[in-house]
């Protein structure tokens, strides 16, 4: 693409998060591993900066235990849970029930995936 700028790390994180299917969740580490560009904490920083964007479903990203560790970064603390539950994801005590069954790994995008 002539004249196009190189996507930032945040852009790449957002592109992956946009691919998480409704009713599924992933974790910060899976995204970081898939992008091979840093640590899970960097994914968290990216997601903390996207709440003004309507098209990045950050509520579908939880910690490695399935806990809603990012819930305090939403407009109000229960919003993350409410958004997940509206997609059929059960949450109990700030943790995704059936986390292993609902887990989606970005590698499901395949080797041919291109963010842009």
Protein backbone atom coordinates (compact mmCIF):
# COMPACT_ATOMS: atom_id res chain seq x y z
CA UNK A 1 0.00 0.00 0.00
CA UNK A 2 1.70 3.13 -1.14
CA UNK A 3 1.60 5.91 1.40
CA UNK A 4 0.11 3.79 4.17
CA UNK A 5 1.74 3.98 7.56
CA UNK A 6 2.87 0.94 9.46
CA UNK A 7 0.27 -0.14 12.03
CA UNK A 8 1.19 0.43 15.66
CA UNK A 9 1.23 -2.30 18.29
CA UNK A 10 -2.09 -0.96 19.54
CA UNK A 11 -3.54 -1.17 16.02
CA UNK A 12 -2.50 -4.82 15.82
CA UNK A 13 -4.00 -5.62 19.22
CA UNK A 14 -7.28 -3.96 18.20
CA UNK A 15 -7.31 -5.88 14.91
CA UNK A 16 -7.01 -9.20 16.79
CA UNK A 17 -9.61 -8.24 19.41
CA UNK A 18 -12.08 -7.37 16.64
CA UNK A 19 -11.85 -11.01 15.50
CA UNK A 20 -12.90 -12.57 18.81
CA UNK A 21 -16.30 -14.17 18.14
CA UNK A 22 -19.34 -13.12 20.16
CA UNK A 23 -19.80 -15.41 23.15
CA UNK A 24 -16.11 -16.31 23.29
CA UNK A 25 -13.19 -14.88 25.28
CA UNK A 26 -9.44 -14.81 25.04
CA UNK A 27 -6.69 -13.57 27.31
CA UNK A 28 -3.99 -10.94 27.18
CA UNK A 29 -1.20 -13.51 26.89
CA UNK A 30 -2.73 -15.30 23.91
CA UNK A 31 -2.91 -12.02 22.00
CA UNK A 32 0.65 -11.11 22.96
CA UNK A 33 1.92 -14.55 21.91
CA UNK A 34 0.04 -14.41 18.62
CA UNK A 35 1.47 -11.00 17.76
CA UNK A 36 4.95 -11.95 19.04
CA UNK A 37 5.41 -8.32 19.96
CA UNK A 38 5.64 -8.09 23.70
CA UNK A 39 4.07 -9.09 26.96
CA UNK A 40 0.47 -9.50 28.03
CA UNK A 41 0.77 -6.28 30.02
CA UNK A 42 1.28 -4.39 26.76
CA UNK A 43 -1.98 -5.84 25.44
CA UNK A 44 -3.67 -4.56 28.60
CA UNK A 45 -2.24 -1.09 28.08
CA UNK A 46 -3.55 -1.09 24.52
CA UNK A 47 -7.02 -2.14 25.66
CA UNK A 48 -7.07 0.48 28.42
CA UNK A 49 -6.80 3.06 25.64
CA UNK A 50 -9.61 1.81 23.41
CA UNK A 51 -12.73 2.37 25.48
CA UNK A 52 -13.67 5.37 23.36
CA UNK A 53 -13.74 3.08 20.29
CA UNK A 54 -17.04 1.36 19.53
CA UNK A 55 -15.57 -1.40 17.37
CA UNK A 56 -13.07 -2.99 19.78
CA UNK A 57 -14.80 -5.56 22.04
CA UNK A 58 -12.29 -5.29 24.89
CA UNK A 59 -14.79 -6.96 27.23
CA UNK A 60 -13.92 -10.29 25.55
CA UNK A 61 -10.34 -10.18 26.88
CA UNK A 62 -9.75 -11.53 30.37
CA UNK A 63 -6.72 -12.67 32.34
CA UNK A 64 -5.17 -16.13 32.11
CA UNK A 65 -7.49 -17.46 34.83
CA UNK A 66 -10.62 -16.15 33.14
CA UNK A 67 -10.98 -13.30 35.62
CA UNK A 68 -12.40 -9.94 34.56
CA UNK A 69 -9.23 -8.17 35.67
CA UNK A 70 -9.84 -5.22 33.35
CA UNK A 71 -13.35 -4.49 34.63
CA UNK A 72 -12.30 -1.34 36.49
CA UNK A 73 -11.20 0.27 33.23
CA UNK A 74 -14.74 0.28 31.86
CA UNK A 75 -17.22 3.14 32.34
CA UNK A 76 -18.48 1.39 35.48
CA UNK A 77 -17.17 -1.81 37.16
CA UNK A 78 -20.02 -4.15 36.15
CA UNK A 79 -20.13 -3.12 32.47
CA UNK A 80 -17.61 -5.76 31.36
CA UNK A 81 -19.69 -8.51 32.96
CA UNK A 82 -22.91 -7.09 31.52
CA UNK A 83 -21.45 -7.02 28.00
CA UNK A 84 -20.23 -10.62 28.30
CA UNK A 85 -23.54 -11.81 29.68
CA UNK A 86 -25.38 -10.07 26.82
CA UNK A 87 -23.40 -12.40 24.54
CA UNK A 88 -24.27 -15.52 26.52
CA UNK A 89 -21.07 -15.73 28.58
CA UNK A 90 -21.79 -16.62 32.20
CA UNK A 91 -19.78 -14.76 34.82
CA UNK A 92 -19.61 -15.66 38.49
CA UNK A 93 -17.56 -13.80 41.10
CA UNK A 94 -15.87 -11.74 38.35
CA UNK A 95 -14.70 -14.90 36.56
CA UNK A 96 -15.88 -16.46 33.28
CA UNK A 97 -17.65 -19.75 33.90
CA UNK A 98 -16.54 -22.51 31.53
CA UNK A 99 -13.51 -20.42 30.62
CA UNK A 100 -11.66 -23.31 28.98
CA UNK A 101 -14.63 -24.15 26.75
CA UNK A 102 -15.22 -20.53 25.75
CA UNK A 103 -11.54 -19.73 25.22
CA UNK A 104 -10.66 -18.55 21.72
CA UNK A 105 -7.03 -18.39 20.63
CA UNK A 106 -6.00 -15.94 17.92
CA UNK A 107 -4.12 -18.75 16.15
CA UNK A 108 -7.58 -19.82 14.96
CA UNK A 109 -7.22 -16.92 12.52
CA UNK A 110 -4.66 -19.01 10.65
CA UNK A 111 -1.29 -18.27 9.11
CA UNK A 112 -2.76 -16.19 6.30
CA UNK A 113 -4.34 -13.64 8.64
CA UNK A 114 -3.42 -10.07 7.91
CA UNK A 115 -4.48 -7.25 10.17
CA UNK A 116 -4.38 -4.67 7.38
